[in-house]
């Protein structure tokens, strides 16, 4: 049973990592990276590494995607403000 869980967790991680690599839009990629973080958390839990799983849950599933989304938002706002120098929407 344990080997089956490990194989399933590895396949899930491989699928989500491939999806993250193939996603081009940065905002969507942040969401896929959060899913990748969750699948890695599951993998680490199955491999009996709860401390690594908790770190991955916090950093890989929450902080990193949040920082990416905030950065994309700021870049898009700057690009929009440069397109409209009068600030009229």
PDB file of N, CA and C in Angstrom:
ATOM      1  N   UNK A   1       0.821  -1.205   0.000  1.00  0.00           N
ATOM      2  CA  UNK A   1       0.000   0.000   0.000  1.00  0.00           C
ATOM      3  C   UNK A   1       0.863   1.266   0.000  1.00  0.00           C
ATOM      4  N   UNK A   2       1.958   1.234   0.774  1.00  0.00           N
ATOM      5  CA  UNK A   2       2.819   2.405   0.849  1.00  0.00           C
ATOM      6  C   UNK A   2       3.464   2.710  -0.496  1.00  0.00           C
ATOM      7  N   UNK A   3       3.909   1.683  -1.187  1.00  0.00           N
ATOM      8  CA  UNK A   3       4.531   1.888  -2.502  1.00  0.00           C
ATOM      9  C   UNK A   3       3.535   2.478  -3.494  1.00  0.00           C
ATOM     10  N   UNK A   4       2.300   2.063  -3.410  1.00  0.00           N
ATOM     11  CA  UNK A   4       1.268   2.602  -4.295  1.00  0.00           C
ATOM     12  C   UNK A   4       1.060   4.087  -4.031  1.00  0.00           C
ATOM     13  N   UNK A   5       1.015   4.480  -2.756  1.00  0.00           N
ATOM     14  CA  UNK A   5       0.855   5.901  -2.419  1.00  0.00           C
ATOM     15  C   UNK A   5       2.039   6.726  -2.914  1.00  0.00           C
ATOM     16  N   UNK A   6       3.228   6.176  -2.793  1.00  0.00           N
ATOM     17  CA  UNK A   6       4.422   6.889  -3.264  1.00  0.00           C
ATOM     18  C   UNK A   6       4.368   7.080  -4.778  1.00  0.00           C
ATOM     19  N   UNK A   7       3.985   6.042  -5.495  1.00  0.00           N
ATOM     20  CA  UNK A   7       3.908   6.127  -6.960  1.00  0.00           C
ATOM     21  C   UNK A   7       2.843   7.143  -7.374  1.00  0.00           C
ATOM     22  N   UNK A   8       1.693   7.121  -6.716  1.00  0.00           N
ATOM     23  CA  UNK A   8       0.622   8.076  -7.034  1.00  0.00           C
ATOM     24  C   UNK A   8       1.079   9.504  -6.744  1.00  0.00           C
ATOM     25  N   UNK A   9       1.744   9.712  -5.607  1.00  0.00           N
ATOM     26  CA  UNK A   9       2.226  11.051  -5.265  1.00  0.00           C
ATOM     27  C   UNK A   9       3.290  11.518  -6.251  1.00  0.00           C
ATOM     28  N   UNK A  10       4.164  10.620  -6.676  1.00  0.00           N
ATOM     29  CA  UNK A  10       5.181  10.975  -7.669  1.00  0.00           C
ATOM     30  C   UNK A  10       4.560  11.326  -9.019  1.00  0.00           C
ATOM     31  N   UNK A  11       3.570  10.556  -9.434  1.00  0.00           N
ATOM     32  CA  UNK A  11       2.893  10.856 -10.706  1.00  0.00           C
ATOM     33  C   UNK A  11       2.159  12.187 -10.643  1.00  0.00           C
ATOM     34  N   UNK A  12       1.490  12.446  -9.529  1.00  0.00           N
ATOM     35  CA  UNK A  12       0.795  13.727  -9.359  1.00  0.00           C
ATOM     36  C   UNK A  12       1.779  14.892  -9.403  1.00  0.00           C
ATOM     37  N   UNK A  13       2.915  14.718  -8.755  1.00  0.00           N
ATOM     38  CA  UNK A  13       3.946  15.756  -8.770  1.00  0.00           C
ATOM     39  C   UNK A  13       4.498  15.959 -10.180  1.00  0.00           C
ATOM     40  N   UNK A  14       4.718  14.878 -10.903  1.00  0.00           N
ATOM     41  CA  UNK A  14       5.228  14.991 -12.268  1.00  0.00           C
ATOM     42  C   UNK A  14       4.236  15.699 -13.184  1.00  0.00           C
ATOM     43  N   UNK A  15       2.961  15.389 -13.030  1.00  0.00           N
ATOM     44  CA  UNK A  15       1.935  16.021 -13.862  1.00  0.00           C
ATOM     45  C   UNK A  15       1.832  17.515 -13.559  1.00  0.00           C
ATOM     46  N   UNK A  16       1.804  17.876 -12.285  1.00  0.00           N
ATOM     47  CA  UNK A  16       1.678  19.296 -11.944  1.00  0.00           C
ATOM     48  C   UNK A  16       2.950  20.069 -12.298  1.00  0.00           C
ATOM     49  N   UNK A  17       4.121  19.438 -12.186  1.00  0.00           N
ATOM     50  CA  UNK A  17       5.356  20.115 -12.584  1.00  0.00           C
ATOM     51  C   UNK A  17       5.385  20.352 -14.095  1.00  0.00           C
ATOM     52  N   UNK A  18       4.907  19.383 -14.857  1.00  0.00           N
ATOM     53  CA  UNK A  18       4.832  19.556 -16.302  1.00  0.00           C
ATOM     54  C   UNK A  18       3.843  20.662 -16.668  1.00  0.00           C
ATOM     55  N   UNK A  19       2.717  20.687 -15.984  1.00  0.00           N
ATOM     56  CA  UNK A  19       1.730  21.749 -16.235  1.00  0.00           C
ATOM     57  C   UNK A  19       2.307  23.116 -15.897  1.00  0.00           C
ATOM     58  N   UNK A  20       3.072  23.207 -14.823  1.00  0.00           N
ATOM     59  CA  UNK A  20       3.692  24.485 -14.454  1.00  0.00           C
ATOM     60  C   UNK A  20       4.705  24.933 -15.498  1.00  0.00           C
ATOM     61  N   UNK A  21       5.451  23.980 -16.038  1.00  0.00           N
ATOM     62  CA  UNK A  21       6.448  24.325 -17.047  1.00  0.00           C
ATOM     63  C   UNK A  21       5.809  24.737 -18.370  1.00  0.00           C
ATOM     64  N   UNK A  22       4.636  24.210 -18.675  1.00  0.00           N
ATOM     65  CA  UNK A  22       3.978  24.508 -19.948  1.00  0.00           C
ATOM     66  C   UNK A  22       3.049  25.717 -19.891  1.00  0.00           C
ATOM     67  N   UNK A  23       2.751  26.208 -18.710  1.00  0.00           N
ATOM     68  CA  UNK A  23       1.868  27.367 -18.562  1.00  0.00           C
ATOM     69  C   UNK A  23       2.647  28.635 -18.874  1.00  0.00           C
ATOM     70  N   UNK A  24       2.097  29.483 -19.720  1.00  0.00           N
ATOM     71  CA  UNK A  24       2.802  30.690 -20.153  1.00  0.00           C
ATOM     72  C   UNK A  24       2.375  31.951 -19.424  1.00  0.00           C
ATOM     73  N   UNK A  25       1.119  32.058 -19.049  1.00  0.00           N
ATOM     74  CA  UNK A  25       0.627  33.250 -18.362  1.00  0.00           C
ATOM     75  C   UNK A  25       1.120  33.228 -16.912  1.00  0.00           C
ATOM     76  N   UNK A  26       1.825  34.270 -16.470  1.00  0.00           N
ATOM     77  CA  UNK A  26       2.393  34.249 -15.120  1.00  0.00           C
ATOM     78  C   UNK A  26       1.348  34.130 -14.004  1.00  0.00           C
ATOM     79  N   UNK A  27       0.193  34.724 -14.171  1.00  0.00           N
ATOM     80  CA  UNK A  27      -0.835  34.624 -13.131  1.00  0.00           C
ATOM     81  C   UNK A  27      -1.352  33.191 -13.020  1.00  0.00           C
ATOM     82  N   UNK A  28      -1.592  32.563 -14.144  1.00  0.00           N
ATOM     83  CA  UNK A  28      -2.022  31.159 -14.121  1.00  0.00           C
ATOM     84  C   UNK A  28      -0.903  30.250 -13.625  1.00  0.00           C
ATOM     85  N   UNK A  29       0.310  30.612 -13.972  1.00  0.00           N
ATOM     86  CA  UNK A  29       1.443  29.811 -13.537  1.00  0.00           C
ATOM     87  C   UNK A  29       1.582  29.848 -12.014  1.00  0.00           C
ATOM     88  N   UNK A  30       1.260  30.970 -11.395  1.00  0.00           N
ATOM     89  CA  UNK A  30       1.309  31.054  -9.938  1.00  0.00           C
ATOM     90  C   UNK A  30       0.312  30.091  -9.301  1.00  0.00           C
ATOM     91  N   UNK A  31      -0.861  29.966  -9.909  1.00  0.00           N
ATOM     92  CA  UNK A  31      -1.860  29.026  -9.388  1.00  0.00           C
ATOM     93  C   UNK A  31      -1.381  27.590  -9.560  1.00  0.00           C
ATOM     94  N   UNK A  32      -0.800  27.296 -10.722  1.00  0.00           N
ATOM     95  CA  UNK A  32      -0.298  25.944 -10.956  1.00  0.00           C
ATOM     96  C   UNK A  32       0.879  25.648 -10.023  1.00  0.00           C
ATOM     97  N   UNK A  33       1.706  26.645  -9.731  1.00  0.00           N
ATOM     98  CA  UNK A  33       2.803  26.451  -8.788  1.00  0.00           C
ATOM     99  C   UNK A  33       2.284  26.169  -7.379  1.00  0.00           C
ATOM    100  N   UNK A  34       1.165  26.791  -7.020  1.00  0.00           N
ATOM    101  CA  UNK A  34       0.561  26.480  -5.723  1.00  0.00           C
ATOM    102  C   UNK A  34       0.090  25.030  -5.686  1.00  0.00           C
ATOM    103  N   UNK A  35      -0.485  24.572  -6.783  1.00  0.00           N
ATOM    104  CA  UNK A  35      -0.889  23.157  -6.859  1.00  0.00           C
ATOM    105  C   UNK A  35       0.321  22.231  -6.817  1.00  0.00           C
ATOM    106  N   UNK A  36       1.404  22.642  -7.465  1.00  0.00           N
ATOM    107  CA  UNK A  36       2.642  21.865  -7.404  1.00  0.00           C
ATOM    108  C   UNK A  36       3.158  21.803  -5.973  1.00  0.00           C
ATOM    109  N   UNK A  37       3.073  22.904  -5.263  1.00  0.00           N
ATOM    110  CA  UNK A  37       3.488  22.909  -3.869  1.00  0.00           C
ATOM    111  C   UNK A  37       2.660  21.962  -3.022  1.00  0.00           C
ATOM    112  N   UNK A  38       1.355  21.920  -3.305  1.00  0.00           N
ATOM    113  CA  UNK A  38       0.496  20.989  -2.569  1.00  0.00           C
ATOM    114  C   UNK A  38       0.828  19.536  -2.896  1.00  0.00           C
ATOM    115  N   UNK A  39       1.111  19.260  -4.160  1.00  0.00           N
ATOM    116  CA  UNK A  39       1.451  17.882  -4.511  1.00  0.00           C
ATOM    117  C   UNK A  39       2.801  17.478  -3.907  1.00  0.00           C
ATOM    118  N   UNK A  40       3.741  18.414  -3.837  1.00  0.00           N
ATOM    119  CA  UNK A  40       5.012  18.117  -3.178  1.00  0.00           C
ATOM    120  C   UNK A  40       4.820  17.908  -1.680  1.00  0.00           C
ATOM    121  N   UNK A  41       3.909  18.680  -1.093  1.00  0.00           N
ATOM    122  CA  UNK A  41       3.586  18.483   0.322  1.00  0.00           C
ATOM    123  C   UNK A  41       3.044  17.083   0.550  1.00  0.00           C
ATOM    124  N   UNK A  42       2.165  16.646  -0.320  1.00  0.00           N
ATOM    125  CA  UNK A  42       1.626  15.293  -0.224  1.00  0.00           C
ATOM    126  C   UNK A  42       2.736  14.253  -0.374  1.00  0.00           C
ATOM    127  N   UNK A  43       3.618  14.467  -1.333  1.00  0.00           N
ATOM    128  CA  UNK A  43       4.724  13.537  -1.546  1.00  0.00           C
ATOM    129  C   UNK A  43       5.622  13.451  -0.311  1.00  0.00           C
ATOM    130  N   UNK A  44       5.975  14.586   0.259  1.00  0.00           N
ATOM    131  CA  UNK A  44       6.827  14.578   1.440  1.00  0.00           C
ATOM    132  C   UNK A  44       6.133  13.928   2.631  1.00  0.00           C
ATOM    133  N   UNK A  45       4.830  14.102   2.727  1.00  0.00           N
ATOM    134  CA  UNK A  45       4.083  13.466   3.806  1.00  0.00           C
ATOM    135  C   UNK A  45       4.087  11.948   3.636  1.00  0.00           C
ATOM    136  N   UNK A  46       3.881  11.495   2.414  1.00  0.00           N
ATOM    137  CA  UNK A  46       3.893  10.057   2.143  1.00  0.00           C
ATOM    138  C   UNK A  46       5.278   9.469   2.405  1.00  0.00           C
ATOM    139  N   UNK A  47       6.318  10.254   2.114  1.00  0.00           N
ATOM    140  CA  UNK A  47       7.685   9.795   2.345  1.00  0.00           C
ATOM    141  C   UNK A  47       8.121   9.968   3.803  1.00  0.00           C
ATOM    142  N   UNK A  48       7.195  10.313   4.663  1.00  0.00           N
ATOM    143  CA  UNK A  48       7.404  10.457   6.100  1.00  0.00           C
ATOM    144  C   UNK A  48       8.437  11.538   6.439  1.00  0.00           C
ATOM    145  N   UNK A  49       8.281  12.683   5.811  1.00  0.00           N
ATOM    146  CA  UNK A  49       9.105  13.843   6.113  1.00  0.00           C
ATOM    147  C   UNK A  49       8.184  15.012   6.461  1.00  0.00           C
ATOM    148  N   UNK A  50       7.546  14.972   7.636  1.00  0.00           N
ATOM    149  CA  UNK A  50       6.542  15.988   7.958  1.00  0.00           C
ATOM    150  C   UNK A  50       7.113  17.396   8.109  1.00  0.00           C
ATOM    151  N   UNK A  51       8.358  17.526   8.582  1.00  0.00           N
ATOM    152  CA  UNK A  51       8.939  18.854   8.712  1.00  0.00           C
ATOM    153  C   UNK A  51       9.165  19.502   7.348  1.00  0.00           C
ATOM    154  N   UNK A  52       9.630  18.722   6.395  1.00  0.00           N
ATOM    155  CA  UNK A  52       9.817  19.234   5.035  1.00  0.00           C
ATOM    156  C   UNK A  52       8.463  19.526   4.401  1.00  0.00           C
ATOM    157  N   UNK A  53       7.469  18.690   4.682  1.00  0.00           N
ATOM    158  CA  UNK A  53       6.126  18.901   4.138  1.00  0.00           C
ATOM    159  C   UNK A  53       5.527  20.211   4.652  1.00  0.00           C
ATOM    160  N   UNK A  54       5.715  20.494   5.932  1.00  0.00           N
ATOM    161  CA  UNK A  54       5.186  21.753   6.480  1.00  0.00           C
ATOM    162  C   UNK A  54       5.890  22.961   5.879  1.00  0.00           C
ATOM    163  N   UNK A  55       7.193  22.863   5.691  1.00  0.00           N
ATOM    164  CA  UNK A  55       7.929  23.960   5.051  1.00  0.00           C
ATOM    165  C   UNK A  55       7.456  24.168   3.617  1.00  0.00           C
ATOM    166  N   UNK A  56       7.274  23.074   2.909  1.00  0.00           N
ATOM    167  CA  UNK A  56       6.797  23.158   1.522  1.00  0.00           C
ATOM    168  C   UNK A  56       5.398  23.743   1.471  1.00  0.00           C
ATOM    169  N   UNK A  57       4.566  23.368   2.421  1.00  0.00           N
ATOM    170  CA  UNK A  57       3.204  23.897   2.454  1.00  0.00           C
ATOM    171  C   UNK A  57       3.208  25.406   2.635  1.00  0.00           C
ATOM    172  N   UNK A  58       4.050  25.887   3.521  1.00  0.00           N
ATOM    173  CA  UNK A  58       4.092  27.329   3.769  1.00  0.00           C
ATOM    174  C   UNK A  58       4.746  28.107   2.650  1.00  0.00           C
ATOM    175  N   UNK A  59       5.894  27.650   2.206  1.00  0.00           N
ATOM    176  CA  UNK A  59       6.661  28.416   1.217  1.00  0.00           C
ATOM    177  C   UNK A  59       6.188  28.130  -0.202  1.00  0.00           C
ATOM    178  N   UNK A  60       6.116  26.858  -0.569  1.00  0.00           N
ATOM    179  CA  UNK A  60       5.815  26.503  -1.946  1.00  0.00           C
ATOM    180  C   UNK A  60       4.368  26.649  -2.339  1.00  0.00           C
ATOM    181  N   UNK A  61       3.466  26.528  -1.356  1.00  0.00           N
ATOM    182  CA  UNK A  61       2.044  26.590  -1.683  1.00  0.00           C
ATOM    183  C   UNK A  61       1.408  27.936  -1.389  1.00  0.00           C
ATOM    184  N   UNK A  62       2.063  28.746  -0.566  1.00  0.00           N
ATOM    185  CA  UNK A  62       1.442  30.007  -0.181  1.00  0.00           C
ATOM    186  C   UNK A  62       2.305  31.220  -0.516  1.00  0.00           C
ATOM    187  N   UNK A  63       3.510  31.276   0.018  1.00  0.00           N
ATOM    188  CA  UNK A  63       4.320  32.489  -0.095  1.00  0.00           C
ATOM    189  C   UNK A  63       4.792  32.745  -1.525  1.00  0.00           C
ATOM    190  N   UNK A  64       5.379  31.749  -2.170  1.00  0.00           N
ATOM    191  CA  UNK A  64       5.901  31.951  -3.516  1.00  0.00           C
ATOM    192  C   UNK A  64       4.819  32.330  -4.530  1.00  0.00           C
ATOM    193  N   UNK A  65       3.674  31.601  -4.592  1.00  0.00           N
ATOM    194  CA  UNK A  65       2.623  32.039  -5.525  1.00  0.00           C
ATOM    195  C   UNK A  65       2.086  33.436  -5.208  1.00  0.00           C
ATOM    196  N   UNK A  66       1.997  33.775  -3.921  1.00  0.00           N
ATOM    197  CA  UNK A  66       1.529  35.109  -3.547  1.00  0.00           C
ATOM    198  C   UNK A  66       2.500  36.175  -4.047  1.00  0.00           C
ATOM    199  N   UNK A  67       3.791  35.966  -3.863  1.00  0.00           N
ATOM    200  CA  UNK A  67       4.773  36.930  -4.351  1.00  0.00           C
ATOM    201  C   UNK A  67       4.737  37.062  -5.870  1.00  0.00           C
ATOM    202  N   UNK A  68       4.547  35.960  -6.562  1.00  0.00           N
ATOM    203  CA  UNK A  68       4.451  36.016  -8.022  1.00  0.00           C
ATOM    204  C   UNK A  68       3.227  36.814  -8.446  1.00  0.00           C
ATOM    205  N   UNK A  69       2.088  36.561  -7.802  1.00  0.00           N
ATOM    206  CA  UNK A  69       0.866  37.298  -8.153  1.00  0.00           C
ATOM    207  C   UNK A  69       1.008  38.795  -7.868  1.00  0.00           C
ATOM    208  N   UNK A  70       1.613  39.147  -6.751  1.00  0.00           N
ATOM    209  CA  UNK A  70       1.814  40.563  -6.435  1.00  0.00           C
ATOM    210  C   UNK A  70       2.760  41.226  -7.431  1.00  0.00           C
ATOM    211  N   UNK A  71       3.781  40.513  -7.853  1.00  0.00           N
ATOM    212  CA  UNK A  71       4.721  41.056  -8.836  1.00  0.00           C
ATOM    213  C   UNK A  71       4.049  41.244 -10.191  1.00  0.00           C
ATOM    214  N   UNK A  72       3.279  40.268 -10.615  1.00  0.00           N
ATOM    215  CA  UNK A  72       2.561  40.384 -11.894  1.00  0.00           C
ATOM    216  C   UNK A  72       1.592  41.555 -11.845  1.00  0.00           C
ATOM    217  N   UNK A  73       0.910  41.715 -10.736  1.00  0.00           N
ATOM    218  CA  UNK A  73      -0.035  42.831 -10.586  1.00  0.00           C
ATOM    219  C   UNK A  73       0.677  44.168 -10.702  1.00  0.00           C
ATOM    220  N   UNK A  74       1.826  44.302 -10.034  1.00  0.00           N
ATOM    221  CA  UNK A  74       2.561  45.560 -10.083  1.00  0.00           C
ATOM    222  C   UNK A  74       3.078  45.847 -11.497  1.00  0.00           C
ATOM    223  N   UNK A  75       3.593  44.835 -12.165  1.00  0.00           N
ATOM    224  CA  UNK A  75       4.110  45.019 -13.524  1.00  0.00           C
ATOM    225  C   UNK A  75       2.989  45.420 -14.472  1.00  0.00           C
ATOM    226  N   UNK A  76       1.828  44.779 -14.338  1.00  0.00           N
ATOM    227  CA  UNK A  76       0.704  45.124 -15.218  1.00  0.00           C
ATOM    228  C   UNK A  76       0.185  46.526 -14.949  1.00  0.00           C
ATOM    229  N   UNK A  77       0.200  46.957 -13.697  1.00  0.00           N
ATOM    230  CA  UNK A  77      -0.210  48.331 -13.376  1.00  0.00           C
ATOM    231  C   UNK A  77       0.753  49.335 -13.981  1.00  0.00           C
ATOM    232  N   UNK A  78       2.052  49.056 -13.879  1.00  0.00           N
ATOM    233  CA  UNK A  78       3.044  49.964 -14.463  1.00  0.00           C
ATOM    234  C   UNK A  78       2.898  50.030 -15.973  1.00  0.00           C
ATOM    235  N   UNK A  79       2.715  48.902 -16.608  1.00  0.00           N
ATOM    236  CA  UNK A  79       2.559  48.883 -18.061  1.00  0.00           C
ATOM    237  C   UNK A  79       1.302  49.642 -18.467  1.00  0.00           C
ATOM    238  N   UNK A  80       0.250  49.504 -17.671  1.00  0.00           N
ATOM    239  CA  UNK A  80      -0.993  50.218 -17.975  1.00  0.00           C
ATOM    240  C   UNK A  80      -0.828  51.719 -17.773  1.00  0.00           C
ATOM    241  N   UNK A  81      -0.110  52.124 -16.741  1.00  0.00           N
ATOM    242  CA  UNK A  81       0.087  53.556 -16.502  1.00  0.00           C
ATOM    243  C   UNK A  81       1.017  54.185 -17.536  1.00  0.00           C
ATOM    244  N   UNK A  82       1.939  53.421 -18.069  1.00  0.00           N
ATOM    245  CA  UNK A  82       2.810  53.934 -19.130  1.00  0.00           C
ATOM    246  C   UNK A  82       2.062  54.076 -20.445  1.00  0.00           C
ATOM    247  N   UNK A  83       1.063  53.243 -20.672  1.00  0.00           N
ATOM    248  CA  UNK A  83       0.243  53.328 -21.882  1.00  0.00           C
ATOM    249  C   UNK A  83      -0.693  54.540 -21.835  1.00  0.00           C
ATOM    250  N   UNK A  84      -1.048  54.966 -20.646  1.00  0.00           N
ATOM    251  CA  UNK A  84      -2.003  56.056 -20.475  1.00  0.00           C
ATOM    252  C   UNK A  84      -1.355  57.163 -19.643  1.00  0.00           C
ATOM    253  N   UNK A  85      -0.558  58.034 -20.270  1.00  0.00           N
ATOM    254  CA  UNK A  85       0.169  59.042 -19.500  1.00  0.00           C
ATOM    255  C   UNK A  85      -0.741  60.061 -18.822  1.00  0.00           C
ATOM    256  N   UNK A  86      -1.968  60.259 -19.314  1.00  0.00           N
ATOM    257  CA  UNK A  86      -2.880  61.225 -18.699  1.00  0.00           C
ATOM    258  C   UNK A  86      -3.578  60.636 -17.478  1.00  0.00           C
ATOM    259  N   UNK A  87      -3.535  59.315 -17.322  1.00  0.00           N
ATOM    260  CA  UNK A  87      -4.184  58.677 -16.185  1.00  0.00           C
ATOM    261  C   UNK A  87      -5.681  58.638 -16.306  1.00  0.00           C
ATOM    262  N   UNK A  88      -6.202  58.598 -17.520  1.00  0.00           N
ATOM    263  CA  UNK A  88      -7.652  58.623 -17.747  1.00  0.00           C
ATOM    264  C   UNK A  88      -8.216  57.251 -18.075  1.00  0.00           C
ATOM    265  N   UNK A  89      -7.658  56.198 -17.528  1.00  0.00           N
ATOM    266  CA  UNK A  89      -8.264  54.897 -17.644  1.00  0.00           C
ATOM    267  C   UNK A  89      -8.002  54.186 -18.873  1.00  0.00           C
TER     268      UNK A  89
END
